[in-house]
Amino acid sequence: MCLIKRKEMTLEDLGYNVDLENYRKDQNLDSLRVGRVISEHKERYVVKTPQKEYEGEIIGNLRFSAHNRSDFPAVGDWVAISEYDDNKVLIHSVFPRKTIIERQAVGKQGEKQIIATNIDYAFIVQAVDRDFNINRFERYLTICHASNVKPIIILNKIDLINESELSDLVGNVRERIKIVPIIPISNESRKGFEKLKENIEKGKTYCLLGSSGVGKSTLLNNLSGKQLMKTDTISASTHKGRHVTSHRELLVLENGGILIDNPGMREVGIADSKDGLETTFNAITELAKDCKFKNCTHTVEVDCAVLKAVENGEIDKSSYENFLKMEREKEHFESTITEKRKKDKDFGKMIKNYKKNKYKKH
């Protein structure tokens, strides 16, 4: 495969549609051009149009009106732009997002980090030879389900195990994850690539999610047919992947699929993902309806249908423990948000009273 030639490219090839065009007209942005953010690194952007790629910076008004980091452009965003140099544009406005894949920001309590926006499908990639972890699949699935993004599981490096081992591995995943498609592939032999390509639709945007070293950048290179992303070997001493992709990029494939690569994520923190958890752990959600208490925590309560199902093997114990862990993370995130809002409100009241008293004295 090779990339679509730029001279043939249209905004529609990048995923543009009627809804976005209607928004552009409604907001009186007709005088500005449209582009899609394909890369972002420390508030430096690359914006792609059908003609070329530009370095982008946001205008002061957009910066000063932003309430938090999510108000800034992210990879996958559609933006209204104006050219001010041969290779530079100003970003005036960010269009509404259809979907947002986000996680809890690393090291920042009660804050979210956007991974990518306007995504239709997520390829969740894990290698079968190292660090394989079904719990991590469930984490990524929860993030996808919370974002209304359709997940597809990719089992990479299958050339390193035999057919029997692969069959057992797929069976183990399928025991806990019932409906999500699973596609085993090898970047070396290209086995499974035809099936993978069948799942890539023209005009749809796909996101690669996974830890460092699972082969995401090599997969992107293979799908595009070019050495677009740097790749690196696994550290022999630690068996940990080295961070090669340090920022996100968007590419358009020959068959019309739109693909976003992401940095490897060692931490996938759960934010306010209630719907995501309910969908990922659907069996637990359904059983919880039969619990004696409506506010059952599924840990120590009498007549808890979930605990009963775990005891008799109906629910996988590891999946149940993973659910509880993510549920605690979600609750902690939500309580941190509530605490922050209260502090902001109290601070606002203090400033208001200060101004009021100052005015009275005068």
Protein backbone atom coordinates (compact mmCIF):
# COMPACT_ATOMS: atom_id res chain seq x y z
CA MET A 1 0.00 0.00 0.00
CA CYS A 2 1.06 3.60 -0.53
CA LEU A 3 -0.36 6.91 0.55
CA ILE A 4 -2.99 8.68 -1.55
CA LYS A 5 -1.28 11.19 -3.82
CA ARG A 6 -1.83 14.65 -2.46
CA LYS A 7 -2.98 16.10 -5.80
CA GLU A 8 -5.91 13.67 -5.76
CA MET A 9 -6.84 14.34 -2.16
CA THR A 10 -10.03 16.13 -1.08
CA LEU A 11 -11.32 17.21 2.33
CA GLU A 12 -13.68 14.21 2.16
CA ASP A 13 -10.62 11.93 1.88
CA LEU A 14 -9.55 13.31 5.25
CA GLY A 15 -13.00 12.54 6.72
CA TYR A 16 -14.80 15.86 6.14
CA ASN A 17 -18.60 15.64 5.87
CA VAL A 18 -21.84 17.61 5.47
CA ASP A 19 -22.33 18.17 9.23
CA LEU A 20 -18.91 19.81 9.49
CA GLU A 21 -19.61 22.00 6.45
CA ASN A 22 -22.97 23.07 7.90
CA TYR A 23 -21.23 24.03 11.17
CA ARG A 24 -18.69 26.05 9.21
CA LYS A 25 -21.48 28.03 7.52
CA ASP A 26 -23.55 28.45 10.70
CA GLN A 27 -20.55 29.89 12.56
CA ASN A 28 -19.70 32.27 9.68
CA LEU A 29 -16.36 30.61 9.09
CA ASP A 30 -16.84 30.59 5.28
CA SER A 31 -13.99 33.02 4.74
CA LEU A 32 -11.54 30.63 6.42
CA ARG A 33 -10.07 27.42 5.06
CA VAL A 34 -10.52 24.01 6.70
CA GLY A 35 -7.84 21.54 7.75
CA ARG A 36 -7.39 18.56 10.06
CA VAL A 37 -4.84 18.39 12.86
CA ILE A 38 -2.55 15.43 12.10
CA SER A 39 0.13 16.01 14.70
CA GLU A 40 0.42 17.81 18.03
CA HIS A 41 3.39 18.19 20.31
CA LYS A 42 3.53 20.70 23.17
CA GLU A 43 1.04 23.07 21.49
CA ARG A 44 2.83 22.87 18.15
CA TYR A 45 0.51 21.56 15.46
CA VAL A 46 0.68 20.17 11.95
CA VAL A 47 -2.52 20.83 9.98
CA LYS A 48 -3.28 18.86 6.82
CA THR A 49 -5.32 20.20 3.90
CA PRO A 50 -5.88 18.46 0.55
CA GLN A 51 -3.03 20.50 -0.91
CA LYS A 52 -0.29 20.40 1.75
CA GLU A 53 0.68 20.28 5.41
CA TYR A 54 1.24 23.40 7.51
CA GLU A 55 2.73 24.33 10.83
CA GLY A 56 -0.16 25.70 12.89
CA GLU A 57 -0.48 27.97 15.90
CA ILE A 58 -3.63 29.04 17.69
CA ILE A 59 -4.76 32.67 17.72
CA GLY A 60 -4.63 34.60 21.00
CA ASN A 61 -8.42 34.74 21.37
CA LEU A 62 -8.67 30.95 21.23
CA ARG A 63 -5.88 30.63 23.78
CA PHE A 64 -7.34 33.14 26.25
CA SER A 65 -10.92 31.82 25.99
CA ALA A 66 -9.81 28.24 26.74
CA HIS A 67 -10.98 26.94 30.14
CA ASN A 68 -8.77 23.84 30.11
CA ARG A 69 -6.45 21.75 27.94
CA SER A 70 -9.36 20.08 26.12
CA ASP A 71 -10.30 23.43 24.55
CA PHE A 72 -7.05 23.37 22.57
CA PRO A 73 -6.76 21.47 19.28
CA ALA A 74 -5.96 17.75 19.42
CA VAL A 75 -4.99 15.16 16.83
CA GLY A 76 -8.04 14.36 14.70
CA ASP A 77 -9.66 17.78 15.16
CA TRP A 78 -11.12 19.79 12.31
CA VAL A 79 -10.04 23.43 12.48
CA ALA A 80 -10.75 26.72 10.67
CA ILE A 81 -7.46 28.21 9.46
CA SER A 82 -5.92 31.14 7.63
CA GLU A 83 -2.54 31.04 5.87
CA TYR A 84 -0.02 33.71 6.86
CA ASP A 85 3.13 32.20 5.38
CA ASP A 86 3.96 29.57 2.77
CA ASN A 87 4.01 26.78 5.33
CA LYS A 88 2.22 28.33 8.33
CA VAL A 89 -1.40 28.83 9.36
CA LEU A 90 -3.29 30.38 12.23
CA ILE A 91 -5.95 28.19 13.90
CA HIS A 92 -9.06 30.28 14.57
CA SER A 93 -11.61 27.70 15.68
CA VAL A 94 -11.96 24.01 16.61
CA PHE A 95 -15.03 22.25 15.14
CA PRO A 96 -17.28 20.15 17.43
CA ARG A 97 -15.89 16.67 18.09
CA LYS A 98 -17.87 13.57 17.14
CA THR A 99 -15.87 11.37 19.53
CA ILE A 100 -13.07 11.96 22.05
CA ILE A 101 -10.76 9.19 23.28
CA GLU A 102 -9.30 10.31 26.60
CA ARG A 103 -7.70 8.98 29.74
CA GLN A 104 -6.82 10.36 33.16
CA ALA A 105 -3.84 12.68 32.71
CA VAL A 106 -0.65 11.08 34.03
CA GLY A 107 0.45 12.68 37.28
CA LYS A 108 -2.45 15.16 37.34
CA GLN A 109 -5.31 14.30 39.66
CA GLY A 110 -8.80 15.02 38.35
CA GLU A 111 -7.61 16.01 34.85
CA LYS A 112 -8.12 14.30 31.51
CA GLN A 113 -5.77 13.94 28.56
CA ILE A 114 -7.16 13.70 25.04
CA ILE A 115 -5.57 10.87 23.05
CA ALA A 116 -7.37 11.60 19.76
CA THR A 117 -10.68 12.98 18.46
CA ASN A 118 -13.20 12.16 15.73
CA ILE A 119 -12.24 8.47 15.78
CA ASP A 120 -14.55 5.79 14.35
CA TYR A 121 -12.57 2.65 15.25
CA ALA A 122 -9.68 1.84 17.60
CA PHE A 123 -7.15 -0.90 16.87
CA ILE A 124 -6.06 -2.09 20.33
CA VAL A 125 -2.67 -3.71 19.76
CA GLN A 126 -0.85 -6.18 22.01
CA ALA A 127 2.08 -8.47 21.24
CA VAL A 128 1.65 -12.15 22.07
CA ASP A 129 5.26 -12.72 23.15
CA ARG A 130 5.67 -10.29 26.05
CA ASP A 131 3.71 -8.28 28.57
CA PHE A 132 0.45 -9.83 27.28
CA ASN A 133 -2.33 -8.74 29.59
CA ILE A 134 -6.10 -9.20 29.17
CA ASN A 135 -6.70 -6.70 31.98
CA ARG A 136 -5.09 -4.03 29.80
CA PHE A 137 -7.40 -4.97 26.91
CA GLU A 138 -10.34 -4.34 29.25
CA ARG A 139 -8.90 -0.93 30.17
CA TYR A 140 -8.61 0.15 26.54
CA LEU A 141 -12.07 -1.26 25.81
CA THR A 142 -13.53 0.80 28.67
CA ILE A 143 -11.96 3.98 27.26
CA CYS A 144 -13.30 3.13 23.78
CA HIS A 145 -16.81 2.31 25.00
CA ALA A 146 -16.93 5.53 27.04
CA SER A 147 -16.04 7.42 23.83
CA ASN A 148 -18.49 5.57 21.52
CA VAL A 149 -15.52 4.34 19.49
CA LYS A 150 -15.73 0.80 18.08
CA PRO A 151 -12.80 -1.38 19.27
CA ILE A 152 -10.96 -4.06 17.27
CA ILE A 153 -8.34 -6.21 19.04
CA ILE A 154 -5.04 -6.84 17.19
CA LEU A 155 -2.83 -9.71 18.44
CA ASN A 156 0.60 -8.98 16.95
CA LYS A 157 3.83 -11.01 16.55
CA ILE A 158 2.01 -14.32 16.06
CA ASP A 159 5.04 -15.58 14.10
CA LEU A 160 6.73 -16.06 17.50
CA ILE A 161 4.23 -18.69 18.71
CA ASN A 162 2.71 -21.84 17.17
CA GLU A 163 -0.89 -22.37 16.06
CA SER A 164 -1.85 -24.25 19.22
CA GLU A 165 -0.50 -21.47 21.47
CA LEU A 166 -2.30 -18.84 19.38
CA SER A 167 -5.57 -20.79 19.58
CA ASP A 168 -5.26 -20.96 23.39
CA LEU A 169 -4.47 -17.23 23.57
CA VAL A 170 -7.45 -16.24 21.43
CA GLY A 171 -9.64 -18.57 23.51
CA ASN A 172 -8.48 -16.91 26.75
CA VAL A 173 -9.27 -13.45 25.38
CA ARG A 174 -12.63 -14.60 24.03
CA GLU A 175 -13.63 -16.05 27.44
CA ARG A 176 -13.53 -12.56 28.93
CA ILE A 177 -14.23 -10.38 25.89
CA LYS A 178 -17.20 -11.85 24.02
CA ILE A 179 -18.12 -9.61 21.09
CA VAL A 180 -15.13 -7.45 20.04
CA PRO A 181 -13.43 -8.65 16.80
CA ILE A 182 -9.98 -10.24 17.27
CA ILE A 183 -7.46 -10.16 14.41
CA PRO A 184 -4.15 -12.06 14.86
CA ILE A 185 -1.32 -10.64 12.67
CA SER A 186 2.41 -10.76 12.08
CA ASN A 187 4.34 -7.69 10.96
CA GLU A 188 7.15 -10.01 9.84
CA SER A 189 5.23 -12.51 7.67
CA ARG A 190 2.25 -10.18 7.00
CA LYS A 191 -0.08 -13.01 8.03
CA GLY A 192 -3.54 -11.67 8.90
CA PHE A 193 -3.02 -8.42 6.95
CA GLU A 194 -5.70 -9.20 4.36
CA LYS A 195 -8.31 -9.62 7.09
CA LEU A 196 -7.05 -6.44 8.77
CA LYS A 197 -7.34 -4.45 5.52
CA GLU A 198 -10.90 -5.75 5.06
CA ASN A 199 -11.76 -3.98 8.32
CA ILE A 200 -10.49 -0.59 7.11
CA GLU A 201 -13.23 1.47 5.43
CA LYS A 202 -12.77 4.47 3.18
CA GLY A 203 -13.37 7.79 4.96
CA LYS A 204 -13.35 6.22 8.44
CA THR A 205 -10.73 7.20 11.03
CA TYR A 206 -8.80 4.53 12.93
CA CYS A 207 -6.63 4.96 16.01
CA LEU A 208 -3.76 2.69 17.09
CA LEU A 209 -3.71 2.11 20.85
CA GLY A 210 -1.23 0.06 22.85
CA SER A 211 1.91 0.00 24.96
CA SER A 212 5.40 0.72 23.64
CA GLY A 213 7.04 -2.13 21.79
CA VAL A 214 3.90 -3.96 20.62
CA GLY A 215 4.59 -3.04 16.97
CA LYS A 216 2.18 -0.16 16.29
CA SER A 217 4.64 1.93 14.26
CA THR A 218 5.77 -1.10 12.23
CA LEU A 219 2.11 -1.94 11.61
CA LEU A 220 1.50 1.61 10.38
CA ASN A 221 4.57 1.40 8.11
CA ASN A 222 3.34 -1.92 6.68
CA LEU A 223 -0.18 -0.61 6.03
CA SER A 224 1.12 2.53 4.33
CA GLY A 225 3.86 0.77 2.39
CA LYS A 226 6.47 3.33 3.47
CA GLN A 227 8.92 3.85 6.32
CA LEU A 228 6.85 6.65 7.84
CA MET A 229 7.44 6.06 11.54
CA LYS A 230 10.72 5.24 13.26
CA THR A 231 10.75 1.82 14.88
CA ASP A 232 13.00 0.39 17.56
CA THR A 233 13.80 -2.93 19.12
CA ILE A 234 12.69 -4.15 22.53
CA SER A 235 15.25 -3.64 25.27
CA ALA A 236 16.89 -7.04 25.84
CA SER A 237 17.44 -6.43 29.55
CA THR A 238 14.00 -5.12 30.53
CA HIS A 239 11.79 -6.47 27.72
CA LYS A 240 10.15 -3.04 27.75
CA GLY A 241 9.32 -1.16 24.58
CA ARG A 242 11.26 2.01 23.91
CA HIS A 243 9.17 5.13 23.25
CA VAL A 244 9.75 5.82 19.57
CA THR A 245 6.52 7.60 18.66
CA SER A 246 6.61 10.66 20.89
CA HIS A 247 3.60 12.38 19.34
CA ARG A 248 0.50 11.57 17.33
CA GLU A 249 0.22 11.59 13.55
CA LEU A 250 -2.57 11.03 11.01
CA LEU A 251 -2.15 9.31 7.63
CA VAL A 252 -4.46 8.56 4.72
CA LEU A 253 -4.01 5.08 3.22
CA GLU A 254 -4.41 4.10 -0.42
CA ASN A 255 -7.76 2.37 0.24
CA GLY A 256 -9.13 5.56 1.83
CA GLY A 257 -8.81 4.60 5.49
CA ILE A 258 -7.49 7.29 7.83
CA LEU A 259 -5.02 6.08 10.44
CA ILE A 260 -3.71 7.77 13.61
CA ASP A 261 -0.66 6.47 15.45
CA ASN A 262 -0.23 7.21 19.15
CA PRO A 263 2.63 7.11 21.61
CA GLY A 264 2.86 3.92 23.63
CA MET A 265 0.99 4.33 26.89
CA ARG A 266 2.37 2.68 30.02
CA GLU A 267 -0.47 4.10 32.09
CA VAL A 268 -4.11 4.00 31.00
CA GLY A 269 -5.91 5.78 33.81
CA ILE A 270 -9.68 5.57 33.99
CA ALA A 271 -11.56 8.90 34.18
CA ASP A 272 -15.36 9.33 34.37
CA SER A 273 -16.09 6.17 32.37
CA LYS A 274 -19.38 4.90 33.84
CA ASP A 275 -20.90 3.93 30.47
CA GLY A 276 -17.58 2.46 29.35
CA LEU A 277 -17.35 0.18 32.39
CA GLU A 278 -20.98 -0.93 32.03
CA THR A 279 -20.40 -1.92 28.39
CA THR A 280 -17.01 -3.59 28.88
CA PHE A 281 -18.23 -5.58 31.88
CA ASN A 282 -21.72 -6.17 30.54
CA ALA A 283 -22.10 -9.53 32.31
CA ILE A 284 -21.40 -7.91 35.70
CA THR A 285 -23.72 -4.99 34.86
CA GLU A 286 -26.57 -7.38 34.05
CA LEU A 287 -26.03 -9.54 37.14
CA ALA A 288 -25.89 -6.45 39.38
CA LYS A 289 -29.61 -5.91 38.65
CA ASP A 290 -30.30 -9.04 40.73
CA CYS A 291 -28.33 -7.87 43.78
CA LYS A 292 -30.33 -7.42 46.99
CA PHE A 293 -29.14 -3.81 47.46
CA LYS A 294 -29.32 -1.15 44.76
CA ASN A 295 -26.06 0.44 45.92
CA CYS A 296 -24.27 -2.91 46.14
CA THR A 297 -20.47 -2.61 45.87
CA HIS A 298 -20.14 -6.31 44.93
CA THR A 299 -17.50 -6.86 47.61
CA VAL A 300 -19.02 -7.93 50.96
CA GLU A 301 -22.81 -7.62 50.67
CA VAL A 302 -25.24 -10.43 51.43
CA ASP A 303 -27.15 -11.82 48.42
CA CYS A 304 -24.81 -10.15 45.91
CA ALA A 305 -25.50 -11.75 42.53
CA VAL A 306 -22.06 -10.73 41.22
CA LEU A 307 -20.15 -12.34 44.10
CA LYS A 308 -22.25 -15.48 43.70
CA ALA A 309 -21.37 -15.60 39.98
CA VAL A 310 -17.65 -15.21 40.74
CA GLU A 311 -17.80 -18.03 43.31
CA ASN A 312 -19.47 -20.47 40.92
CA GLY A 313 -17.18 -19.55 38.01
CA GLU A 314 -19.80 -17.80 35.93
CA ILE A 315 -17.74 -14.59 36.07
CA ASP A 316 -13.94 -14.76 35.61
CA LYS A 317 -12.27 -13.79 38.89
CA SER A 318 -9.49 -11.75 37.22
CA SER A 319 -12.07 -9.83 35.19
CA TYR A 320 -14.10 -9.17 38.35
CA GLU A 321 -11.01 -7.86 40.20
CA ASN A 322 -10.11 -5.68 37.21
CA PHE A 323 -13.64 -4.27 37.21
CA LEU A 324 -13.40 -3.38 40.92
CA LYS A 325 -10.01 -1.72 40.41
CA MET A 326 -11.28 0.46 37.52
CA GLU A 327 -14.49 1.24 39.42
CA ARG A 328 -12.36 2.58 42.30
CA GLU A 329 -10.29 4.66 39.87
CA LYS A 330 -13.46 6.12 38.35
CA GLU A 331 -14.87 7.00 41.78
CA HIS A 332 -11.57 8.57 42.85
CA PHE A 333 -11.45 10.64 39.67
CA GLU A 334 -15.05 11.81 40.15
CA SER A 335 -14.48 12.71 43.83
CA THR A 336 -11.34 14.67 42.85
CA ILE A 337 -13.37 16.62 40.26
CA THR A 338 -16.08 17.37 42.87
CA GLU A 339 -13.42 18.52 45.35
CA LYS A 340 -11.81 20.79 42.75
CA ARG A 341 -15.15 22.35 41.82
CA LYS A 342 -15.90 23.05 45.49
CA LYS A 343 -12.51 24.71 45.96
CA ASP A 344 -13.05 26.85 42.85
CA LYS A 345 -16.52 27.83 44.07
CA ASP A 346 -15.21 28.72 47.54
CA PHE A 347 -12.39 30.75 46.01
CA GLY A 348 -14.89 32.57 43.77
CA LYS A 349 -17.02 33.42 46.81
CA MET A 350 -13.98 34.69 48.69
CA ILE A 351 -13.01 37.01 45.81
CA LYS A 352 -16.60 38.23 45.48
CA ASN A 353 -16.82 39.01 49.22
CA TYR A 354 -13.43 40.73 49.13
CA LYS A 355 -14.54 42.99 46.29
CA LYS A 356 -17.86 43.64 48.01
CA ASN A 357 -16.18 44.67 51.31
CA LYS A 358 -13.61 46.78 49.48
CA TYR A 359 -16.40 48.61 47.64
CA LYS A 360 -18.26 49.26 50.96
CA LYS A 361 -15.14 50.81 52.54
CA HIS A 362 -14.91 53.28 49.69
